[in-house]
Amino acid sequence: TDKSYGNHVLLVGDACGQVDPLTGEGIHTGMQGGVLAAKTIVEMFRQGNFSEAACKNYEAAWWNEFGKDFPMSDLAGKIVKRLPFLMDAVPIASA
């Protein structure tokens, strides 16, 4: 999906792509996203504003918390896909 929010809607976890592109790990990021969604909802109740603009704060929060790492992880995944021998070099280099 292009965004993790809408009018009166917040998406969390796999539903909005909160999965590391390199490792496929998503449980931890989904849980982090759930906490951030809950905090956003509490704030929306305080303000009495459930508009799409208010929901957008959630996307900014999770992107700043862990999503900003996804583009680099995606790039690393693409490099490994094109040059798989690099994965064989990791254990050798760390020995």
PDB file of N, CA and C in Angstrom:
ATOM      1  N   THR A   1       0.833  -1.190   0.000  1.00  0.00           N
ATOM      2  CA  THR A   1       0.000   0.000   0.000  1.00  0.00           C
ATOM      3  C   THR A   1       0.874   1.248   0.000  1.00  0.00           C
ATOM      4  N   ASP A   2       0.358   2.325  -0.534  1.00  0.00           N
ATOM      5  CA  ASP A   2       1.123   3.562  -0.626  1.00  0.00           C
ATOM      6  C   ASP A   2       1.199   4.305   0.696  1.00  0.00           C
ATOM      7  N   LYS A   3       0.194   4.126   1.543  1.00  0.00           N
ATOM      8  CA  LYS A   3       0.209   4.813   2.831  1.00  0.00           C
ATOM      9  C   LYS A   3      -0.445   3.934   3.884  1.00  0.00           C
ATOM     10  N   SER A   4      -0.154   4.238   5.125  1.00  0.00           N
ATOM     11  CA  SER A   4      -0.626   3.407   6.234  1.00  0.00           C
ATOM     12  C   SER A   4      -1.777   4.055   6.991  1.00  0.00           C
ATOM     13  N   TYR A   5      -2.453   4.982   6.371  1.00  0.00           N
ATOM     14  CA  TYR A   5      -3.537   5.688   7.038  1.00  0.00           C
ATOM     15  C   TYR A   5      -4.584   6.117   6.014  1.00  0.00           C
ATOM     16  N   GLY A   6      -5.727   6.467   6.528  1.00  0.00           N
ATOM     17  CA  GLY A   6      -6.809   7.011   5.709  1.00  0.00           C
ATOM     18  C   GLY A   6      -7.748   7.751   6.640  1.00  0.00           C
ATOM     19  N   ASN A   7      -8.874   8.130   6.159  1.00  0.00           N
ATOM     20  CA  ASN A   7      -9.860   8.808   6.997  1.00  0.00           C
ATOM     21  C   ASN A   7     -10.423   7.806   7.999  1.00  0.00           C
ATOM     22  N   HIS A   8     -10.124   7.986   9.276  1.00  0.00           N
ATOM     23  CA  HIS A   8     -10.546   7.093  10.355  1.00  0.00           C
ATOM     24  C   HIS A   8      -9.891   5.707  10.277  1.00  0.00           C
ATOM     25  N   VAL A   9      -8.748   5.579   9.619  1.00  0.00           N
ATOM     26  CA  VAL A   9      -8.121   4.265   9.432  1.00  0.00           C
ATOM     27  C   VAL A   9      -6.607   4.344   9.658  1.00  0.00           C
ATOM     28  N   LEU A  10      -6.088   3.392  10.430  1.00  0.00           N
ATOM     29  CA  LEU A  10      -4.648   3.193  10.573  1.00  0.00           C
ATOM     30  C   LEU A  10      -4.353   1.729  10.268  1.00  0.00           C
ATOM     31  N   LEU A  11      -3.394   1.475   9.407  1.00  0.00           N
ATOM     32  CA  LEU A  11      -2.979   0.113   9.085  1.00  0.00           C
ATOM     33  C   LEU A  11      -1.692  -0.204   9.841  1.00  0.00           C
ATOM     34  N   VAL A  12      -1.553  -1.466  10.258  1.00  0.00           N
ATOM     35  CA  VAL A  12      -0.406  -1.882  11.062  1.00  0.00           C
ATOM     36  C   VAL A  12       0.149  -3.190  10.508  1.00  0.00           C
ATOM     37  N   GLY A  13       1.464  -3.369  10.634  1.00  0.00           N
ATOM     38  CA  GLY A  13       2.102  -4.630  10.283  1.00  0.00           C
ATOM     39  C   GLY A  13       2.144  -4.894   8.789  1.00  0.00           C
ATOM     40  N   ASP A  14       1.895  -6.148   8.418  1.00  0.00           N
ATOM     41  CA  ASP A  14       1.937  -6.552   7.013  1.00  0.00           C
ATOM     42  C   ASP A  14       0.956  -5.755   6.156  1.00  0.00           C
ATOM     43  N   ALA A  15      -0.131  -5.311   6.756  1.00  0.00           N
ATOM     44  CA  ALA A  15      -1.163  -4.591   5.999  1.00  0.00           C
ATOM     45  C   ALA A  15      -0.645  -3.304   5.380  1.00  0.00           C
ATOM     46  N   CYS A  16       0.429  -2.766   5.949  1.00  0.00           N
ATOM     47  CA  CYS A  16       0.966  -1.517   5.392  1.00  0.00           C
ATOM     48  C   CYS A  16       2.458  -1.601   5.107  1.00  0.00           C
ATOM     49  N   GLY A  17       2.976  -2.804   5.015  1.00  0.00           N
ATOM     50  CA  GLY A  17       4.376  -2.960   4.616  1.00  0.00           C
ATOM     51  C   GLY A  17       5.393  -2.723   5.703  1.00  0.00           C
ATOM     52  N   GLN A  18       5.026  -2.944   6.952  1.00  0.00           N
ATOM     53  CA  GLN A  18       5.989  -2.774   8.041  1.00  0.00           C
ATOM     54  C   GLN A  18       6.821  -4.048   8.206  1.00  0.00           C
ATOM     55  N   VAL A  19       7.441  -4.459   7.108  1.00  0.00           N
ATOM     56  CA  VAL A  19       8.255  -5.668   7.067  1.00  0.00           C
ATOM     57  C   VAL A  19       9.614  -5.297   6.481  1.00  0.00           C
ATOM     58  N   ASP A  20      10.673  -5.745   7.136  1.00  0.00           N
ATOM     59  CA  ASP A  20      12.016  -5.447   6.640  1.00  0.00           C
ATOM     60  C   ASP A  20      12.200  -6.108   5.273  1.00  0.00           C
ATOM     61  N   PRO A  21      12.521  -5.327   4.238  1.00  0.00           N
ATOM     62  CA  PRO A  21      12.651  -5.889   2.897  1.00  0.00           C
ATOM     63  C   PRO A  21      13.787  -6.894   2.735  1.00  0.00           C
ATOM     64  N   LEU A  22      14.823  -6.802   3.547  1.00  0.00           N
ATOM     65  CA  LEU A  22      15.962  -7.706   3.424  1.00  0.00           C
ATOM     66  C   LEU A  22      15.715  -9.023   4.152  1.00  0.00           C
ATOM     67  N   THR A  23      15.258  -8.935   5.386  1.00  0.00           N
ATOM     68  CA  THR A  23      15.129 -10.127   6.221  1.00  0.00           C
ATOM     69  C   THR A  23      13.728 -10.727   6.211  1.00  0.00           C
ATOM     70  N   GLY A  24      12.732  -9.942   5.848  1.00  0.00           N
ATOM     71  CA  GLY A  24      11.354 -10.402   5.907  1.00  0.00           C
ATOM     72  C   GLY A  24      10.786 -10.366   7.311  1.00  0.00           C
ATOM     73  N   GLU A  25      11.560  -9.877   8.261  1.00  0.00           N
ATOM     74  CA  GLU A  25      11.126  -9.788   9.647  1.00  0.00           C
ATOM     75  C   GLU A  25      10.036  -8.742   9.771  1.00  0.00           C
ATOM     76  N   GLY A  26       8.968  -9.079  10.440  1.00  0.00           N
ATOM     77  CA  GLY A  26       7.882  -8.122  10.564  1.00  0.00           C
ATOM     78  C   GLY A  26       7.143  -8.170  11.889  1.00  0.00           C
ATOM     79  N   ILE A  27       7.406  -9.187  12.714  1.00  0.00           N
ATOM     80  CA  ILE A  27       6.685  -9.274  13.986  1.00  0.00           C
ATOM     81  C   ILE A  27       7.044  -8.090  14.876  1.00  0.00           C
ATOM     82  N   HIS A  28       8.331  -7.856  15.042  1.00  0.00           N
ATOM     83  CA  HIS A  28       8.767  -6.764  15.916  1.00  0.00           C
ATOM     84  C   HIS A  28       8.293  -5.406  15.385  1.00  0.00           C
ATOM     85  N   THR A  29       8.458  -5.174  14.091  1.00  0.00           N
ATOM     86  CA  THR A  29       8.033  -3.883  13.533  1.00  0.00           C
ATOM     87  C   THR A  29       6.517  -3.744  13.587  1.00  0.00           C
ATOM     88  N   GLY A  30       5.797  -4.847  13.406  1.00  0.00           N
ATOM     89  CA  GLY A  30       4.343  -4.795  13.539  1.00  0.00           C
ATOM     90  C   GLY A  30       3.921  -4.427  14.952  1.00  0.00           C
ATOM     91  N   MET A  31       4.640  -4.966  15.935  1.00  0.00           N
ATOM     92  CA  MET A  31       4.336  -4.634  17.328  1.00  0.00           C
ATOM     93  C   MET A  31       4.670  -3.173  17.622  1.00  0.00           C
ATOM     94  N   GLN A  32       5.801  -2.710  17.095  1.00  0.00           N
ATOM     95  CA  GLN A  32       6.153  -1.297  17.265  1.00  0.00           C
ATOM     96  C   GLN A  32       5.090  -0.418  16.604  1.00  0.00           C
ATOM     97  N   GLY A  33       4.660  -0.815  15.417  1.00  0.00           N
ATOM     98  CA  GLY A  33       3.625  -0.068  14.715  1.00  0.00           C
ATOM     99  C   GLY A  33       2.332  -0.037  15.499  1.00  0.00           C
ATOM    100  N   GLY A  34       1.978  -1.159  16.151  1.00  0.00           N
ATOM    101  CA  GLY A  34       0.770  -1.200  16.972  1.00  0.00           C
ATOM    102  C   GLY A  34       0.832  -0.236  18.138  1.00  0.00           C
ATOM    103  N   VAL A  35       1.991  -0.157  18.786  1.00  0.00           N
ATOM    104  CA  VAL A  35       2.163   0.786  19.902  1.00  0.00           C
ATOM    105  C   VAL A  35       2.026   2.227  19.392  1.00  0.00           C
ATOM    106  N   LEU A  36       2.662   2.525  18.268  1.00  0.00           N
ATOM    107  CA  LEU A  36       2.584   3.881  17.716  1.00  0.00           C
ATOM    108  C   LEU A  36       1.161   4.208  17.258  1.00  0.00           C
ATOM    109  N   ALA A  37       0.464   3.214  16.716  1.00  0.00           N
ATOM    110  CA  ALA A  37      -0.936   3.436  16.318  1.00  0.00           C
ATOM    111  C   ALA A  37      -1.784   3.741  17.551  1.00  0.00           C
ATOM    112  N   ALA A  38      -1.570   2.994  18.633  1.00  0.00           N
ATOM    113  CA  ALA A  38      -2.324   3.231  19.867  1.00  0.00           C
ATOM    114  C   ALA A  38      -2.068   4.635  20.409  1.00  0.00           C
ATOM    115  N   LYS A  39      -0.811   5.048  20.398  1.00  0.00           N
ATOM    116  CA  LYS A  39      -0.485   6.406  20.870  1.00  0.00           C
ATOM    117  C   LYS A  39      -1.145   7.458  19.993  1.00  0.00           C
ATOM    118  N   THR A  40      -1.167   7.209  18.694  1.00  0.00           N
ATOM    119  CA  THR A  40      -1.809   8.146  17.767  1.00  0.00           C
ATOM    120  C   THR A  40      -3.300   8.211  18.038  1.00  0.00           C
ATOM    121  N   ILE A  41      -3.922   7.074  18.275  1.00  0.00           N
ATOM    122  CA  ILE A  41      -5.364   7.041  18.547  1.00  0.00           C
ATOM    123  C   ILE A  41      -5.690   7.775  19.839  1.00  0.00           C
ATOM    124  N   VAL A  42      -4.875   7.587  20.870  1.00  0.00           N
ATOM    125  CA  VAL A  42      -5.082   8.314  22.127  1.00  0.00           C
ATOM    126  C   VAL A  42      -5.048   9.818  21.862  1.00  0.00           C
ATOM    127  N   GLU A  43      -4.067  10.260  21.104  1.00  0.00           N
ATOM    128  CA  GLU A  43      -3.952  11.690  20.783  1.00  0.00           C
ATOM    129  C   GLU A  43      -5.143  12.159  19.944  1.00  0.00           C
ATOM    130  N   MET A  44      -5.616  11.322  19.049  1.00  0.00           N
ATOM    131  CA  MET A  44      -6.772  11.687  18.229  1.00  0.00           C
ATOM    132  C   MET A  44      -8.023  11.846  19.103  1.00  0.00           C
ATOM    133  N   PHE A  45      -8.171  10.981  20.106  1.00  0.00           N
ATOM    134  CA  PHE A  45      -9.294  11.119  21.041  1.00  0.00           C
ATOM    135  C   PHE A  45      -9.167  12.417  21.835  1.00  0.00           C
ATOM    136  N   ARG A  46      -7.960  12.730  22.274  1.00  0.00           N
ATOM    137  CA  ARG A  46      -7.745  13.978  23.031  1.00  0.00           C
ATOM    138  C   ARG A  46      -8.160  15.196  22.221  1.00  0.00           C
ATOM    139  N   GLN A  47      -7.838  15.158  20.931  1.00  0.00           N
ATOM    140  CA  GLN A  47      -8.133  16.294  20.059  1.00  0.00           C
ATOM    141  C   GLN A  47      -9.525  16.213  19.434  1.00  0.00           C
ATOM    142  N   GLY A  48     -10.144  15.041  19.520  1.00  0.00           N
ATOM    143  CA  GLY A  48     -11.447  14.856  18.886  1.00  0.00           C
ATOM    144  C   GLY A  48     -11.368  14.946  17.374  1.00  0.00           C
ATOM    145  N   ASN A  49     -10.240  14.526  16.834  1.00  0.00           N
ATOM    146  CA  ASN A  49      -9.991  14.654  15.399  1.00  0.00           C
ATOM    147  C   ASN A  49      -9.517  13.308  14.862  1.00  0.00           C
ATOM    148  N   PHE A  50     -10.341  12.694  14.012  1.00  0.00           N
ATOM    149  CA  PHE A  50     -10.017  11.396  13.431  1.00  0.00           C
ATOM    150  C   PHE A  50      -9.886  11.492  11.911  1.00  0.00           C
ATOM    151  N   SER A  51      -9.599  12.683  11.449  1.00  0.00           N
ATOM    152  CA  SER A  51      -9.495  12.931  10.010  1.00  0.00           C
ATOM    153  C   SER A  51      -8.268  12.246   9.423  1.00  0.00           C
ATOM    154  N   GLU A  52      -8.216  12.205   8.111  1.00  0.00           N
ATOM    155  CA  GLU A  52      -7.054  11.636   7.430  1.00  0.00           C
ATOM    156  C   GLU A  52      -5.790  12.417   7.791  1.00  0.00           C
ATOM    157  N   ALA A  53      -5.911  13.717   7.926  1.00  0.00           N
ATOM    158  CA  ALA A  53      -4.747  14.537   8.292  1.00  0.00           C
ATOM    159  C   ALA A  53      -4.221  14.147   9.674  1.00  0.00           C
ATOM    160  N   ALA A  54      -5.126  13.873  10.616  1.00  0.00           N
ATOM    161  CA  ALA A  54      -4.700  13.454  11.955  1.00  0.00           C
ATOM    162  C   ALA A  54      -4.085  12.060  11.915  1.00  0.00           C
ATOM    163  N   CYS A  55      -4.641  11.190  11.090  1.00  0.00           N
ATOM    164  CA  CYS A  55      -4.112   9.821  10.968  1.00  0.00           C
ATOM    165  C   CYS A  55      -2.723   9.813  10.332  1.00  0.00           C
ATOM    166  N   LYS A  56      -2.419  10.828   9.546  1.00  0.00           N
ATOM    167  CA  LYS A  56      -1.124  10.904   8.871  1.00  0.00           C
ATOM    168  C   LYS A  56       0.028  10.972   9.876  1.00  0.00           C
ATOM    169  N   ASN A  57      -0.237  11.498  11.064  1.00  0.00           N
ATOM    170  CA  ASN A  57       0.806  11.576  12.097  1.00  0.00           C
ATOM    171  C   ASN A  57       1.356  10.195  12.439  1.00  0.00           C
ATOM    172  N   TYR A  58       0.502   9.188  12.352  1.00  0.00           N
ATOM    173  CA  TYR A  58       0.933   7.811  12.632  1.00  0.00           C
ATOM    174  C   TYR A  58       2.001   7.362  11.648  1.00  0.00           C
ATOM    175  N   GLU A  59       1.787   7.628  10.361  1.00  0.00           N
ATOM    176  CA  GLU A  59       2.771   7.207   9.366  1.00  0.00           C
ATOM    177  C   GLU A  59       4.113   7.899   9.606  1.00  0.00           C
ATOM    178  N   ALA A  60       4.060   9.182   9.929  1.00  0.00           N
ATOM    179  CA  ALA A  60       5.306   9.896  10.223  1.00  0.00           C
ATOM    180  C   ALA A  60       6.000   9.284  11.437  1.00  0.00           C
ATOM    181  N   ALA A  61       5.227   8.874  12.432  1.00  0.00           N
ATOM    182  CA  ALA A  61       5.808   8.298  13.655  1.00  0.00           C
ATOM    183  C   ALA A  61       6.495   6.968  13.369  1.00  0.00           C
ATOM    184  N   TRP A  62       5.811   6.067  12.648  1.00  0.00           N
ATOM    185  CA  TRP A  62       6.464   4.766  12.430  1.00  0.00           C
ATOM    186  C   TRP A  62       7.597   4.880  11.428  1.00  0.00           C
ATOM    187  N   TRP A  63       7.468   5.773  10.467  1.00  0.00           N
ATOM    188  CA  TRP A  63       8.565   5.942   9.513  1.00  0.00           C
ATOM    189  C   TRP A  63       9.819   6.439  10.245  1.00  0.00           C
ATOM    190  N   ASN A  64       9.643   7.401  11.151  1.00  0.00           N
ATOM    191  CA  ASN A  64      10.789   7.923  11.908  1.00  0.00           C
ATOM    192  C   ASN A  64      11.345   6.887  12.881  1.00  0.00           C
ATOM    193  N   GLU A  65      10.488   6.044  13.426  1.00  0.00           N
ATOM    194  CA  GLU A  65      10.911   5.041  14.410  1.00  0.00           C
ATOM    195  C   GLU A  65      11.695   3.892  13.768  1.00  0.00           C
ATOM    196  N   PHE A  66      11.183   3.338  12.667  1.00  0.00           N
ATOM    197  CA  PHE A  66      11.863   2.184  12.071  1.00  0.00           C
ATOM    198  C   PHE A  66      11.756   2.108  10.551  1.00  0.00           C
ATOM    199  N   GLY A  67      10.856   2.808   9.937  1.00  0.00           N
ATOM    200  CA  GLY A  67      10.669   2.714   8.498  1.00  0.00           C
ATOM    201  C   GLY A  67      11.783   3.344   7.681  1.00  0.00           C
ATOM    202  N   LYS A  68      12.459   4.314   8.258  1.00  0.00           N
ATOM    203  CA  LYS A  68      13.529   4.999   7.522  1.00  0.00           C
ATOM    204  C   LYS A  68      14.677   4.062   7.163  1.00  0.00           C
ATOM    205  N   ASP A  69      14.744   2.911   7.844  1.00  0.00           N
ATOM    206  CA  ASP A  69      15.780   1.921   7.537  1.00  0.00           C
ATOM    207  C   ASP A  69      15.408   1.031   6.352  1.00  0.00           C
ATOM    208  N   PHE A  70      14.144   1.005   5.974  1.00  0.00           N
ATOM    209  CA  PHE A  70      13.688   0.094   4.929  1.00  0.00           C
ATOM    210  C   PHE A  70      14.299   0.355   3.552  1.00  0.00           C
ATOM    211  N   PRO A  71      14.473   1.601   3.120  1.00  0.00           N
ATOM    212  CA  PRO A  71      15.081   1.794   1.791  1.00  0.00           C
ATOM    213  C   PRO A  71      16.486   1.212   1.685  1.00  0.00           C
ATOM    214  N   MET A  72      17.300   1.352   2.718  1.00  0.00           N
ATOM    215  CA  MET A  72      18.650   0.795   2.697  1.00  0.00           C
ATOM    216  C   MET A  72      18.600  -0.729   2.721  1.00  0.00           C
ATOM    217  N   SER A  73      17.685  -1.269   3.501  1.00  0.00           N
ATOM    218  CA  SER A  73      17.514  -2.714   3.556  1.00  0.00           C
ATOM    219  C   SER A  73      17.051  -3.251   2.212  1.00  0.00           C
ATOM    220  N   ASP A  74      16.169  -2.518   1.557  1.00  0.00           N
ATOM    221  CA  ASP A  74      15.695  -2.914   0.229  1.00  0.00           C
ATOM    222  C   ASP A  74      16.850  -2.917  -0.770  1.00  0.00           C
ATOM    223  N   LEU A  75      17.690  -1.900  -0.714  1.00  0.00           N
ATOM    224  CA  LEU A  75      18.853  -1.823  -1.597  1.00  0.00           C
ATOM    225  C   LEU A  75      19.803  -2.999  -1.337  1.00  0.00           C
ATOM    226  N   ALA A  76      20.052  -3.301  -0.073  1.00  0.00           N
ATOM    227  CA  ALA A  76      20.930  -4.432   0.258  1.00  0.00           C
ATOM    228  C   ALA A  76      20.362  -5.735  -0.294  1.00  0.00           C
ATOM    229  N   GLY A  77      19.056  -5.904  -0.188  1.00  0.00           N
ATOM    230  CA  GLY A  77      18.419  -7.101  -0.726  1.00  0.00           C
ATOM    231  C   GLY A  77      18.579  -7.212  -2.228  1.00  0.00           C
ATOM    232  N   LYS A  78      18.457  -6.103  -2.914  1.00  0.00           N
ATOM    233  CA  LYS A  78      18.612  -6.107  -4.374  1.00  0.00           C
ATOM    234  C   LYS A  78      20.053  -6.429  -4.771  1.00  0.00           C
ATOM    235  N   ILE A  79      21.007  -5.918  -4.005  1.00  0.00           N
ATOM    236  CA  ILE A  79      22.418  -6.201  -4.292  1.00  0.00           C
ATOM    237  C   ILE A  79      22.708  -7.684  -4.083  1.00  0.00           C
ATOM    238  N   VAL A  80      22.231  -8.244  -2.979  1.00  0.00           N
ATOM    239  CA  VAL A  80      22.460  -9.652  -2.690  1.00  0.00           C
ATOM    240  C   VAL A  80      21.785 -10.539  -3.736  1.00  0.00           C
ATOM    241  N   LYS A  81      20.629 -10.116  -4.196  1.00  0.00           N
ATOM    242  CA  LYS A  81      19.937 -10.903  -5.223  1.00  0.00           C
ATOM    243  C   LYS A  81      20.756 -10.954  -6.513  1.00  0.00           C
ATOM    244  N   ARG A  82      21.359  -9.828  -6.865  1.00  0.00           N
ATOM    245  CA  ARG A  82      22.157  -9.782  -8.095  1.00  0.00           C
ATOM    246  C   ARG A  82      23.543 -10.398  -7.908  1.00  0.00           C
ATOM    247  N   LEU A  83      24.054 -10.343  -6.677  1.00  0.00           N
ATOM    248  CA  LEU A  83      25.403 -10.851  -6.391  1.00  0.00           C
ATOM    249  C   LEU A  83      25.348 -11.785  -5.185  1.00  0.00           C
ATOM    250  N   PRO A  84      24.738 -12.952  -5.337  1.00  0.00           N
ATOM    251  CA  PRO A  84      24.523 -13.831  -4.180  1.00  0.00           C
ATOM    252  C   PRO A  84      25.802 -14.315  -3.505  1.00  0.00           C
ATOM    253  N   PHE A  85      26.916 -14.299  -4.207  1.00  0.00           N
ATOM    254  CA  PHE A  85      28.164 -14.733  -3.584  1.00  0.00           C
ATOM    255  C   PHE A  85      28.540 -13.850  -2.397  1.00  0.00           C
ATOM    256  N   LEU A  86      27.968 -12.639  -2.332  1.00  0.00           N
ATOM    257  CA  LEU A  86      28.256 -11.770  -1.197  1.00  0.00           C
ATOM    258  C   LEU A  86      27.775 -12.388   0.121  1.00  0.00           C
ATOM    259  N   MET A  87      26.682 -13.141   0.071  1.00  0.00           N
ATOM    260  CA  MET A  87      26.186 -13.795   1.288  1.00  0.00           C
ATOM    261  C   MET A  87      27.159 -14.860   1.765  1.00  0.00           C
ATOM    262  N   ASP A  88      27.859 -15.501   0.822  1.00  0.00           N
ATOM    263  CA  ASP A  88      28.862 -16.499   1.207  1.00  0.00           C
ATOM    264  C   ASP A  88      30.073 -15.829   1.841  1.00  0.00           C
ATOM    265  N   ALA A  89      30.321 -14.579   1.490  1.00  0.00           N
ATOM    266  CA  ALA A  89      31.489 -13.871   2.009  1.00  0.00           C
ATOM    267  C   ALA A  89      31.291 -13.384   3.429  1.00  0.00           C
ATOM    268  N   VAL A  90      30.055 -13.244   3.883  1.00  0.00           N
ATOM    269  CA  VAL A  90      29.790 -12.712   5.225  1.00  0.00           C
ATOM    270  C   VAL A  90      30.391 -13.592   6.307  1.00  0.00           C
ATOM    271  N   PRO A  91      30.142 -14.916   6.313  1.00  0.00           N
ATOM    272  CA  PRO A  91      30.768 -15.738   7.381  1.00  0.00           C
ATOM    273  C   PRO A  91      32.283 -15.744   7.299  1.00  0.00           C
ATOM    274  N   ILE A  92      32.818 -15.694   6.108  1.00  0.00           N
ATOM    275  CA  ILE A  92      34.265 -15.703   5.938  1.00  0.00           C
ATOM    276  C   ILE A  92      34.858 -14.407   6.494  1.00  0.00           C
ATOM    277  N   ALA A  93      34.219 -13.288   6.201  1.00  0.00           N
ATOM    278  CA  ALA A  93      34.723 -11.990   6.644  1.00  0.00           C
ATOM    279  C   ALA A  93      34.597 -11.820   8.154  1.00  0.00           C
ATOM    280  N   SER A  94      33.603 -12.474   8.769  1.00  0.00           N
ATOM    281  CA  SER A  94      33.420 -12.306  10.208  1.00  0.00           C
ATOM    282  C   SER A  94      34.216 -13.308  11.025  1.00  0.00           C
ATOM    283  N   ALA A  95      34.889 -14.223  10.359  1.00  0.00           N
ATOM    284  CA  ALA A  95      35.671 -15.251  11.084  1.00  0.00           C
ATOM    285  C   ALA A  95      36.981 -14.711  11.589  1.00  0.00           C
TER     286      ALA A  95
END
